[in-house]
């Protein structure tokens, strides 16, 4: 600001002829001052564009990372759902198998399945004798009972994947019976 005041005073004294800046020895006139202002404005605009580009890149990088995680999780879910069907078949074989000698190897296979599922964040929904919750269970049968809205039989186990529903438990729910 001091320089501008000095410059204007010098311009008055020299009848609007260019003035030499005393500290640097450069010639200063109205045109130079306008150019400096224009360059400062352009620099501010370019800096703003740069900051926006950096922010856009960071947002793009974050979105790509999130989409990649979602794609991996979706692929894992599909694989796990198929694997759960196989596990259900093994459970039914153990439960209804006629030959006792075939049950033991199947139990070992079941144990390995359970360990593998747990390793990947899959947990079984504990539903039997619990209150029916529609966000984790699917009622496929109503049976008379002493208490209302209690799971009395599990037709197909339900599972959570990283604490999110992977497959709902398909259950039979008690319905309060009225004595007459």
N, C-alpha and C. Protein backbone atom coordinates (compact mmCIF):
# COMPACT_ATOMS: atom_id res chain seq x y z
N UNK A 1 0.82 -1.20 0.00
CA UNK A 1 0.00 0.00 0.00
C UNK A 1 0.86 1.26 0.00
N UNK A 2 1.97 1.20 0.74
CA UNK A 2 2.86 2.35 0.77
C UNK A 2 3.42 2.64 -0.62
N UNK A 3 3.75 1.56 -1.32
CA UNK A 3 4.32 1.75 -2.64
C UNK A 3 3.32 2.40 -3.59
N UNK A 4 2.06 1.99 -3.51
CA UNK A 4 1.03 2.57 -4.38
C UNK A 4 0.91 4.06 -4.11
N UNK A 5 0.92 4.42 -2.85
CA UNK A 5 0.83 5.84 -2.48
C UNK A 5 2.05 6.59 -3.03
N UNK A 6 3.22 5.99 -2.86
CA UNK A 6 4.46 6.60 -3.35
C UNK A 6 4.39 6.74 -4.87
N UNK A 7 3.91 5.69 -5.52
CA UNK A 7 3.81 5.70 -6.97
C UNK A 7 2.91 6.82 -7.47
N UNK A 8 1.75 6.96 -6.86
CA UNK A 8 0.81 8.00 -7.28
C UNK A 8 1.38 9.39 -7.07
N UNK A 9 2.09 9.57 -5.99
CA UNK A 9 2.72 10.88 -5.75
C UNK A 9 3.79 11.15 -6.80
N UNK A 10 4.57 10.15 -7.14
CA UNK A 10 5.62 10.33 -8.13
C UNK A 10 5.02 10.61 -9.50
N UNK A 11 3.88 9.96 -9.83
CA UNK A 11 3.23 10.19 -11.12
C UNK A 11 2.77 11.64 -11.23
N UNK A 12 2.30 12.21 -10.12
CA UNK A 12 1.87 13.60 -10.13
C UNK A 12 3.06 14.52 -10.36
N UNK A 13 4.17 14.20 -9.74
CA UNK A 13 5.37 15.03 -9.85
C UNK A 13 6.00 14.95 -11.23
N UNK A 14 5.88 13.80 -11.89
CA UNK A 14 6.57 13.61 -13.18
C UNK A 14 5.64 13.71 -14.37
N UNK A 15 4.46 14.25 -14.16
CA UNK A 15 3.48 14.43 -15.26
C UNK A 15 3.14 13.11 -15.96
N UNK A 16 2.84 12.09 -15.18
CA UNK A 16 2.42 10.77 -15.67
C UNK A 16 3.46 10.03 -16.50
N UNK A 17 4.71 10.31 -16.30
CA UNK A 17 5.77 9.53 -16.94
C UNK A 17 6.10 8.35 -16.04
N UNK A 18 6.63 7.25 -16.59
CA UNK A 18 6.94 6.08 -15.77
C UNK A 18 7.87 6.45 -14.62
N UNK A 19 7.65 5.74 -13.51
CA UNK A 19 8.43 5.97 -12.30
C UNK A 19 9.31 4.76 -12.06
N UNK A 20 10.53 4.99 -11.59
CA UNK A 20 11.43 3.89 -11.25
C UNK A 20 11.22 3.57 -9.78
N UNK A 21 10.96 2.28 -9.50
CA UNK A 21 10.77 1.85 -8.12
C UNK A 21 12.11 1.94 -7.41
N UNK A 22 12.14 2.63 -6.28
CA UNK A 22 13.43 2.90 -5.64
C UNK A 22 14.13 1.65 -5.11
N UNK A 23 13.40 0.64 -4.64
CA UNK A 23 14.06 -0.53 -4.04
C UNK A 23 14.60 -1.50 -5.07
N UNK A 24 13.88 -1.72 -6.19
CA UNK A 24 14.32 -2.71 -7.18
C UNK A 24 14.86 -2.08 -8.44
N UNK A 25 14.57 -0.86 -8.67
CA UNK A 25 15.04 -0.20 -9.87
C UNK A 25 14.21 -0.51 -11.10
N UNK A 26 13.02 -1.11 -10.96
CA UNK A 26 12.17 -1.43 -12.10
C UNK A 26 11.25 -0.26 -12.39
N UNK A 27 10.91 -0.16 -13.67
CA UNK A 27 10.03 0.92 -14.10
C UNK A 27 8.59 0.49 -13.83
N UNK A 28 7.82 1.37 -13.18
CA UNK A 28 6.44 1.07 -12.84
C UNK A 28 5.55 2.11 -13.49
N UNK A 29 4.49 1.64 -14.10
CA UNK A 29 3.48 2.56 -14.63
C UNK A 29 2.11 1.92 -14.45
N UNK A 30 1.05 2.57 -14.89
CA UNK A 30 -0.31 2.05 -14.73
C UNK A 30 -0.48 0.70 -15.42
N UNK A 31 0.17 0.57 -16.56
CA UNK A 31 0.06 -0.67 -17.32
C UNK A 31 0.67 -1.85 -16.53
N UNK A 32 1.80 -1.65 -15.90
CA UNK A 32 2.46 -2.68 -15.12
C UNK A 32 1.60 -3.06 -13.92
N UNK A 33 1.04 -2.07 -13.27
CA UNK A 33 0.18 -2.33 -12.11
C UNK A 33 -1.05 -3.15 -12.52
N UNK A 34 -1.62 -2.84 -13.66
CA UNK A 34 -2.77 -3.60 -14.17
C UNK A 34 -2.37 -5.04 -14.50
N UNK A 35 -1.18 -5.20 -15.08
CA UNK A 35 -0.71 -6.54 -15.41
C UNK A 35 -0.50 -7.38 -14.14
N UNK A 36 0.07 -6.74 -13.10
CA UNK A 36 0.28 -7.45 -11.83
C UNK A 36 -1.06 -7.89 -11.26
N UNK A 37 -2.05 -7.01 -11.27
CA UNK A 37 -3.38 -7.34 -10.75
C UNK A 37 -3.99 -8.48 -11.56
N UNK A 38 -3.84 -8.41 -12.89
CA UNK A 38 -4.38 -9.46 -13.76
C UNK A 38 -3.68 -10.80 -13.49
N UNK A 39 -2.37 -10.77 -13.33
CA UNK A 39 -1.63 -12.00 -13.05
C UNK A 39 -2.01 -12.59 -11.70
N UNK A 40 -2.23 -11.75 -10.70
CA UNK A 40 -2.66 -12.23 -9.38
C UNK A 40 -4.03 -12.89 -9.49
N UNK A 41 -4.90 -12.27 -10.27
CA UNK A 41 -6.24 -12.83 -10.46
C UNK A 41 -6.15 -14.19 -11.16
N UNK A 42 -5.34 -14.29 -12.23
CA UNK A 42 -5.16 -15.54 -12.94
C UNK A 42 -4.56 -16.62 -12.03
N UNK A 43 -3.58 -16.21 -11.20
CA UNK A 43 -2.96 -17.15 -10.27
C UNK A 43 -3.99 -17.70 -9.29
N UNK A 44 -4.85 -16.82 -8.78
CA UNK A 44 -5.91 -17.26 -7.87
C UNK A 44 -6.86 -18.23 -8.54
N UNK A 45 -7.22 -17.95 -9.81
CA UNK A 45 -8.11 -18.84 -10.54
C UNK A 45 -7.45 -20.20 -10.79
N UNK A 46 -6.19 -20.17 -11.19
CA UNK A 46 -5.46 -21.43 -11.46
C UNK A 46 -5.30 -22.23 -10.16
N UNK A 47 -5.03 -21.55 -9.06
CA UNK A 47 -4.91 -22.23 -7.77
C UNK A 47 -6.24 -22.88 -7.39
N UNK A 48 -7.34 -22.16 -7.61
CA UNK A 48 -8.67 -22.69 -7.33
C UNK A 48 -8.94 -23.94 -8.20
N UNK A 49 -8.59 -23.87 -9.49
CA UNK A 49 -8.78 -25.03 -10.37
C UNK A 49 -7.93 -26.22 -9.91
N UNK A 50 -6.71 -25.94 -9.48
CA UNK A 50 -5.84 -26.99 -8.98
C UNK A 50 -6.44 -27.66 -7.75
N UNK A 51 -6.92 -26.86 -6.81
CA UNK A 51 -7.50 -27.40 -5.58
C UNK A 51 -8.74 -28.24 -5.90
N UNK A 52 -9.55 -27.79 -6.84
CA UNK A 52 -10.73 -28.56 -7.24
C UNK A 52 -10.33 -29.88 -7.89
N UNK A 53 -9.30 -29.84 -8.73
CA UNK A 53 -8.83 -31.07 -9.38
C UNK A 53 -8.32 -32.08 -8.35
N UNK A 54 -7.58 -31.60 -7.36
CA UNK A 54 -7.09 -32.48 -6.31
C UNK A 54 -8.26 -33.09 -5.54
N UNK A 55 -9.25 -32.27 -5.19
CA UNK A 55 -10.42 -32.77 -4.46
C UNK A 55 -11.19 -33.79 -5.30
N UNK A 56 -11.34 -33.51 -6.61
CA UNK A 56 -12.03 -34.45 -7.49
C UNK A 56 -11.29 -35.78 -7.56
N UNK A 57 -9.98 -35.73 -7.63
CA UNK A 57 -9.19 -36.96 -7.68
C UNK A 57 -9.36 -37.75 -6.38
N UNK A 58 -9.31 -37.06 -5.25
CA UNK A 58 -9.47 -37.75 -3.96
C UNK A 58 -10.85 -38.40 -3.86
N UNK A 59 -11.89 -37.70 -4.31
CA UNK A 59 -13.25 -38.26 -4.29
C UNK A 59 -13.35 -39.48 -5.23
N UNK A 60 -12.76 -39.38 -6.40
CA UNK A 60 -12.77 -40.49 -7.34
C UNK A 60 -12.05 -41.70 -6.75
N UNK A 61 -10.91 -41.47 -6.15
CA UNK A 61 -10.14 -42.54 -5.53
C UNK A 61 -10.94 -43.22 -4.42
N UNK A 62 -11.61 -42.43 -3.59
CA UNK A 62 -12.42 -42.98 -2.51
C UNK A 62 -13.59 -43.80 -3.07
N UNK A 63 -14.27 -43.25 -4.09
CA UNK A 63 -15.41 -43.97 -4.69
C UNK A 63 -14.97 -45.29 -5.33
N UNK A 64 -13.85 -45.28 -6.03
CA UNK A 64 -13.36 -46.51 -6.65
C UNK A 64 -13.02 -47.56 -5.60
N UNK A 65 -12.43 -47.12 -4.50
CA UNK A 65 -12.10 -48.04 -3.41
C UNK A 65 -13.38 -48.64 -2.82
N UNK A 66 -14.40 -47.81 -2.59
CA UNK A 66 -15.67 -48.29 -2.04
C UNK A 66 -16.36 -49.26 -3.01
N UNK A 67 -16.36 -48.94 -4.31
CA UNK A 67 -16.98 -49.82 -5.30
C UNK A 67 -16.26 -51.17 -5.38
N UNK A 68 -14.94 -51.12 -5.28
CA UNK A 68 -14.17 -52.36 -5.31
C UNK A 68 -14.53 -53.23 -4.10
N UNK A 69 -14.64 -52.61 -2.93
CA UNK A 69 -15.01 -53.37 -1.72
C UNK A 69 -16.41 -53.96 -1.87
N UNK A 70 -17.35 -53.18 -2.42
CA UNK A 70 -18.71 -53.70 -2.62
C UNK A 70 -18.72 -54.87 -3.60
N UNK A 71 -17.93 -54.77 -4.66
CA UNK A 71 -17.88 -55.85 -5.65
C UNK A 71 -17.31 -57.12 -5.03
N UNK A 72 -16.27 -56.99 -4.23
CA UNK A 72 -15.67 -58.15 -3.57
C UNK A 72 -16.68 -58.77 -2.61
N UNK A 73 -17.37 -57.92 -1.84
CA UNK A 73 -18.35 -58.43 -0.87
C UNK A 73 -19.50 -59.13 -1.58
N UNK A 74 -19.95 -58.59 -2.70
CA UNK A 74 -21.03 -59.22 -3.47
C UNK A 74 -20.58 -60.59 -3.99
N UNK A 75 -19.36 -60.67 -4.48
CA UNK A 75 -18.85 -61.96 -4.97
C UNK A 75 -18.74 -62.96 -3.82
N UNK A 76 -18.28 -62.49 -2.67
CA UNK A 76 -18.18 -63.38 -1.51
C UNK A 76 -19.55 -63.88 -1.10
N UNK A 77 -20.54 -62.97 -1.08
CA UNK A 77 -21.88 -63.37 -0.68
C UNK A 77 -22.43 -64.46 -1.61
N UNK A 78 -22.25 -64.28 -2.91
CA UNK A 78 -22.75 -65.27 -3.88
C UNK A 78 -22.11 -66.63 -3.63
N UNK A 79 -20.82 -66.63 -3.44
CA UNK A 79 -20.11 -67.88 -3.18
C UNK A 79 -20.58 -68.51 -1.86
N UNK A 80 -20.72 -67.69 -0.83
CA UNK A 80 -21.13 -68.22 0.47
C UNK A 80 -22.54 -68.78 0.44
N UNK A 81 -23.44 -68.14 -0.28
CA UNK A 81 -24.82 -68.64 -0.38
C UNK A 81 -24.82 -70.03 -1.04
N UNK A 82 -24.03 -70.19 -2.10
CA UNK A 82 -23.92 -71.50 -2.73
C UNK A 82 -23.31 -72.52 -1.78
N UNK A 83 -22.31 -72.10 -1.03
CA UNK A 83 -21.65 -72.98 -0.07
C UNK A 83 -22.61 -73.39 1.05
N UNK A 84 -23.50 -72.47 1.44
CA UNK A 84 -24.46 -72.78 2.50
C UNK A 84 -25.44 -73.87 2.06
N UNK A 85 -25.79 -73.90 0.80
CA UNK A 85 -26.66 -74.97 0.29
C UNK A 85 -25.98 -76.32 0.44
N UNK A 86 -24.69 -76.36 0.16
CA UNK A 86 -23.92 -77.60 0.33
C UNK A 86 -23.88 -78.00 1.81
N UNK A 87 -23.67 -77.02 2.67
CA UNK A 87 -23.63 -77.29 4.12
C UNK A 87 -24.98 -77.82 4.60
N UNK A 88 -26.07 -77.25 4.09
CA UNK A 88 -27.40 -77.75 4.47
C UNK A 88 -27.58 -79.21 4.06
N UNK A 89 -27.09 -79.55 2.88
CA UNK A 89 -27.17 -80.95 2.43
C UNK A 89 -26.38 -81.87 3.36
N UNK A 90 -25.23 -81.42 3.78
CA UNK A 90 -24.42 -82.22 4.71
C UNK A 90 -25.16 -82.40 6.04
N UNK A 91 -25.76 -81.30 6.55
CA UNK A 91 -26.52 -81.38 7.80
C UNK A 91 -27.67 -82.37 7.69
N UNK A 92 -28.39 -82.33 6.56
CA UNK A 92 -29.51 -83.26 6.37
C UNK A 92 -29.03 -84.70 6.27
N UNK A 93 -27.89 -84.89 5.64
CA UNK A 93 -27.32 -86.24 5.52
C UNK A 93 -26.99 -86.80 6.90
N UNK A 94 -26.40 -85.96 7.74
CA UNK A 94 -26.06 -86.40 9.10
C UNK A 94 -27.32 -86.70 9.90
N UNK A 95 -28.31 -85.82 9.78
CA UNK A 95 -29.53 -85.97 10.57
C UNK A 95 -30.37 -87.17 10.15
N UNK A 96 -30.48 -87.38 8.85
CA UNK A 96 -31.38 -88.43 8.37
C UNK A 96 -30.66 -89.64 7.79
N UNK A 97 -29.35 -89.67 7.85
CA UNK A 97 -28.60 -90.79 7.30
C UNK A 97 -28.90 -92.08 8.04
N UNK A 98 -29.06 -93.14 7.28
CA UNK A 98 -29.42 -94.43 7.87
C UNK A 98 -28.19 -95.18 8.38
N UNK A 99 -27.12 -95.06 7.67
CA UNK A 99 -25.94 -95.83 8.02
C UNK A 99 -25.07 -95.03 8.98
N UNK A 100 -24.86 -95.57 10.14
CA UNK A 100 -24.08 -94.90 11.18
C UNK A 100 -22.64 -94.67 10.74
N UNK A 101 -22.11 -95.58 9.94
CA UNK A 101 -20.71 -95.46 9.51
C UNK A 101 -20.48 -94.24 8.62
N UNK A 102 -21.51 -93.79 7.92
CA UNK A 102 -21.37 -92.61 7.06
C UNK A 102 -21.51 -91.29 7.82
N UNK A 103 -22.05 -91.36 9.03
CA UNK A 103 -22.27 -90.12 9.79
C UNK A 103 -20.97 -89.49 10.27
N UNK A 104 -20.04 -90.28 10.72
CA UNK A 104 -18.79 -89.73 11.28
C UNK A 104 -17.99 -88.92 10.26
N UNK A 105 -17.75 -89.44 9.06
CA UNK A 105 -17.03 -88.62 8.08
C UNK A 105 -17.80 -87.34 7.72
N UNK A 106 -19.11 -87.45 7.67
CA UNK A 106 -19.93 -86.28 7.36
C UNK A 106 -19.83 -85.24 8.48
N UNK A 107 -19.75 -85.70 9.73
CA UNK A 107 -19.61 -84.77 10.85
C UNK A 107 -18.28 -84.02 10.77
N UNK A 108 -17.25 -84.73 10.33
CA UNK A 108 -15.94 -84.07 10.17
C UNK A 108 -16.00 -83.01 9.06
N UNK A 109 -16.68 -83.35 7.99
CA UNK A 109 -16.84 -82.39 6.88
C UNK A 109 -17.64 -81.18 7.36
N UNK A 110 -18.69 -81.44 8.15
CA UNK A 110 -19.50 -80.36 8.70
C UNK A 110 -18.66 -79.44 9.59
N UNK A 111 -17.81 -80.03 10.42
CA UNK A 111 -16.94 -79.23 11.29
C UNK A 111 -16.04 -78.33 10.47
N UNK A 112 -15.47 -78.88 9.41
CA UNK A 112 -14.59 -78.08 8.55
C UNK A 112 -15.37 -76.95 7.88
N UNK A 113 -16.59 -77.23 7.47
CA UNK A 113 -17.44 -76.18 6.87
C UNK A 113 -17.70 -75.07 7.88
N UNK A 114 -18.04 -75.47 9.11
CA UNK A 114 -18.32 -74.47 10.15
C UNK A 114 -17.10 -73.60 10.43
N UNK A 115 -15.93 -74.21 10.50
CA UNK A 115 -14.69 -73.47 10.77
C UNK A 115 -14.41 -72.50 9.61
N UNK A 116 -14.58 -72.98 8.39
CA UNK A 116 -14.33 -72.13 7.22
C UNK A 116 -15.29 -70.95 7.18
N UNK A 117 -16.57 -71.21 7.44
CA UNK A 117 -17.55 -70.12 7.45
C UNK A 117 -17.22 -69.09 8.52
N UNK A 118 -16.87 -69.55 9.70
CA UNK A 118 -16.53 -68.63 10.79
C UNK A 118 -15.30 -67.79 10.42
N UNK A 119 -14.34 -68.42 9.76
CA UNK A 119 -13.11 -67.73 9.34
C UNK A 119 -13.43 -66.55 8.42
N UNK A 120 -14.44 -66.69 7.59
CA UNK A 120 -14.81 -65.64 6.64
C UNK A 120 -15.93 -64.72 7.14
N UNK A 121 -16.23 -64.79 8.43
CA UNK A 121 -17.19 -63.85 9.02
C UNK A 121 -18.64 -64.27 8.93
N UNK A 122 -18.90 -65.55 8.68
CA UNK A 122 -20.28 -66.04 8.60
C UNK A 122 -20.65 -66.67 9.93
N UNK A 123 -21.76 -66.18 10.49
CA UNK A 123 -22.23 -66.74 11.75
C UNK A 123 -23.68 -67.18 11.59
N UNK A 124 -24.03 -68.23 12.33
CA UNK A 124 -25.37 -68.78 12.28
C UNK A 124 -26.31 -67.94 13.14
N UNK A 125 -27.52 -67.74 12.67
CA UNK A 125 -28.53 -67.03 13.45
C UNK A 125 -29.14 -68.02 14.43
N UNK A 126 -29.04 -67.70 15.71
CA UNK A 126 -29.60 -68.55 16.75
C UNK A 126 -31.08 -68.20 16.88
N UNK A 127 -31.96 -69.05 16.36
CA UNK A 127 -33.37 -68.69 16.30
C UNK A 127 -34.28 -69.58 17.13
N UNK A 128 -33.90 -70.80 17.37
CA UNK A 128 -34.78 -71.76 18.04
C UNK A 128 -35.14 -71.28 19.45
N UNK A 129 -36.44 -71.28 19.74
CA UNK A 129 -37.01 -70.86 21.03
C UNK A 129 -36.78 -69.38 21.34
N UNK A 130 -36.49 -68.61 20.31
CA UNK A 130 -36.33 -67.16 20.45
C UNK A 130 -37.55 -66.48 19.84
N UNK A 131 -37.72 -65.20 20.16
CA UNK A 131 -38.82 -64.45 19.58
C UNK A 131 -38.55 -64.23 18.09
N UNK A 132 -39.59 -64.36 17.29
CA UNK A 132 -39.48 -64.19 15.84
C UNK A 132 -39.10 -62.75 15.51
N UNK A 133 -38.05 -62.58 14.71
CA UNK A 133 -37.63 -61.25 14.25
C UNK A 133 -37.64 -61.25 12.73
N UNK A 134 -38.50 -60.45 12.11
CA UNK A 134 -38.66 -60.50 10.66
C UNK A 134 -37.44 -60.03 9.87
N UNK A 135 -36.55 -59.26 10.49
CA UNK A 135 -35.37 -58.81 9.74
C UNK A 135 -34.29 -59.89 9.66
N UNK A 136 -34.44 -61.00 10.42
CA UNK A 136 -33.48 -62.10 10.35
C UNK A 136 -34.13 -63.43 10.00
N UNK A 137 -35.46 -63.48 10.05
CA UNK A 137 -36.15 -64.76 9.88
C UNK A 137 -37.29 -64.62 8.88
N UNK A 138 -37.64 -65.76 8.31
CA UNK A 138 -38.76 -65.84 7.38
C UNK A 138 -39.70 -66.92 7.89
N UNK A 139 -40.91 -66.53 8.22
CA UNK A 139 -41.89 -67.48 8.75
C UNK A 139 -42.51 -68.24 7.57
N UNK A 140 -42.35 -69.56 7.60
CA UNK A 140 -42.95 -70.36 6.53
C UNK A 140 -44.05 -71.27 7.05
N UNK A 141 -44.25 -71.25 8.39
CA UNK A 141 -45.27 -72.11 8.96
C UNK A 141 -45.71 -71.54 10.31
N UNK A 142 -47.01 -71.63 10.60
CA UNK A 142 -47.55 -71.23 11.90
C UNK A 142 -48.06 -72.49 12.58
N UNK A 143 -47.68 -72.66 13.84
CA UNK A 143 -48.13 -73.84 14.59
C UNK A 143 -48.74 -73.37 15.91
N UNK A 144 -49.72 -74.11 16.43
CA UNK A 144 -50.30 -73.71 17.71
C UNK A 144 -49.27 -73.90 18.83
N UNK A 145 -49.30 -73.00 19.81
CA UNK A 145 -48.35 -73.09 20.91
C UNK A 145 -48.83 -72.33 22.13
N UNK A 146 -48.04 -72.41 23.19
CA UNK A 146 -48.38 -71.75 24.45
C UNK A 146 -48.05 -70.27 24.43
N UNK A 147 -47.01 -69.91 23.70
CA UNK A 147 -46.60 -68.52 23.59
C UNK A 147 -46.72 -68.10 22.13
N UNK A 148 -47.03 -66.84 21.92
CA UNK A 148 -47.15 -66.33 20.56
C UNK A 148 -45.80 -65.80 20.09
N UNK A 149 -45.57 -65.95 18.80
CA UNK A 149 -44.43 -65.33 18.14
C UNK A 149 -43.08 -65.89 18.57
N UNK A 150 -43.01 -67.18 18.88
CA UNK A 150 -41.76 -67.83 19.28
C UNK A 150 -41.42 -68.89 18.23
N UNK A 151 -40.16 -68.96 17.84
CA UNK A 151 -39.71 -69.94 16.85
C UNK A 151 -39.69 -71.31 17.51
N UNK A 152 -40.42 -72.26 16.91
CA UNK A 152 -40.49 -73.61 17.47
C UNK A 152 -39.76 -74.64 16.61
N UNK A 153 -39.51 -74.30 15.34
CA UNK A 153 -38.80 -75.22 14.48
C UNK A 153 -38.05 -74.43 13.41
N UNK A 154 -36.84 -74.90 13.11
CA UNK A 154 -36.05 -74.26 12.05
C UNK A 154 -36.05 -75.19 10.85
N UNK A 155 -36.59 -74.70 9.74
CA UNK A 155 -36.61 -75.49 8.50
C UNK A 155 -35.29 -75.33 7.75
N UNK A 156 -34.74 -74.13 7.79
CA UNK A 156 -33.46 -73.85 7.15
C UNK A 156 -32.75 -72.78 7.95
N UNK A 157 -31.51 -73.04 8.33
CA UNK A 157 -30.77 -72.10 9.17
C UNK A 157 -30.51 -70.79 8.43
N UNK A 158 -30.45 -69.73 9.22
CA UNK A 158 -30.12 -68.42 8.67
C UNK A 158 -28.70 -68.04 9.06
N UNK A 159 -28.10 -67.14 8.27
CA UNK A 159 -26.71 -66.76 8.51
C UNK A 159 -26.50 -65.26 8.34
N UNK A 160 -25.53 -64.75 9.10
CA UNK A 160 -25.08 -63.37 8.98
C UNK A 160 -23.68 -63.38 8.39
N UNK A 161 -23.39 -62.40 7.56
CA UNK A 161 -22.05 -62.24 6.98
C UNK A 161 -21.54 -60.88 7.41
N UNK A 162 -20.52 -60.89 8.27
CA UNK A 162 -20.00 -59.65 8.86
C UNK A 162 -21.13 -58.83 9.49
N UNK A 163 -21.97 -59.52 10.25
CA UNK A 163 -23.11 -58.95 10.98
C UNK A 163 -24.18 -58.36 10.08
N UNK A 164 -24.20 -58.73 8.81
CA UNK A 164 -25.26 -58.34 7.88
C UNK A 164 -25.93 -59.62 7.42
N UNK A 165 -27.22 -59.53 7.19
CA UNK A 165 -27.99 -60.72 6.81
C UNK A 165 -27.49 -61.29 5.48
N UNK A 166 -27.11 -62.55 5.52
CA UNK A 166 -26.70 -63.26 4.31
C UNK A 166 -27.87 -64.09 3.79
N UNK A 167 -28.51 -64.81 4.71
CA UNK A 167 -29.68 -65.61 4.36
C UNK A 167 -30.58 -65.69 5.58
N UNK A 168 -31.88 -65.39 5.43
CA UNK A 168 -32.76 -65.45 6.59
C UNK A 168 -33.03 -66.89 7.00
N UNK A 169 -33.27 -67.08 8.28
CA UNK A 169 -33.66 -68.40 8.78
C UNK A 169 -35.12 -68.63 8.39
N UNK A 170 -35.40 -69.81 7.86
CA UNK A 170 -36.78 -70.16 7.50
C UNK A 170 -37.31 -71.01 8.65
N UNK A 171 -38.35 -70.47 9.31
CA UNK A 171 -38.77 -71.06 10.59
C UNK A 171 -40.27 -71.26 10.67
N UNK A 172 -40.64 -72.08 11.66
CA UNK A 172 -42.04 -72.24 12.04
C UNK A 172 -42.21 -71.46 13.34
N UNK A 173 -43.28 -70.68 13.40
CA UNK A 173 -43.51 -69.79 14.54
C UNK A 173 -44.79 -70.22 15.26
N UNK A 174 -44.74 -70.16 16.60
CA UNK A 174 -45.93 -70.53 17.38
C UNK A 174 -46.97 -69.42 17.31
N UNK A 175 -48.20 -69.87 17.38
CA UNK A 175 -49.34 -68.97 17.39
C UNK A 175 -50.14 -69.31 18.65
N UNK A 176 -50.46 -68.32 19.43
CA UNK A 176 -51.17 -68.55 20.69
C UNK A 176 -52.52 -69.19 20.42
N UNK A 177 -52.76 -70.28 21.12
CA UNK A 177 -54.04 -70.98 20.96
C UNK A 177 -54.96 -70.58 22.11
N UNK A 178 -56.18 -70.36 21.80
CA UNK A 178 -57.15 -69.98 22.79
C UNK A 178 -57.94 -71.21 23.21
N UNK A 179 -57.95 -71.49 24.50
CA UNK A 179 -58.71 -72.64 25.02
C UNK A 179 -60.18 -72.28 25.12
N UNK A 180 -61.06 -73.19 24.71
CA UNK A 180 -62.50 -72.93 24.76
C UNK A 180 -63.17 -73.80 25.76
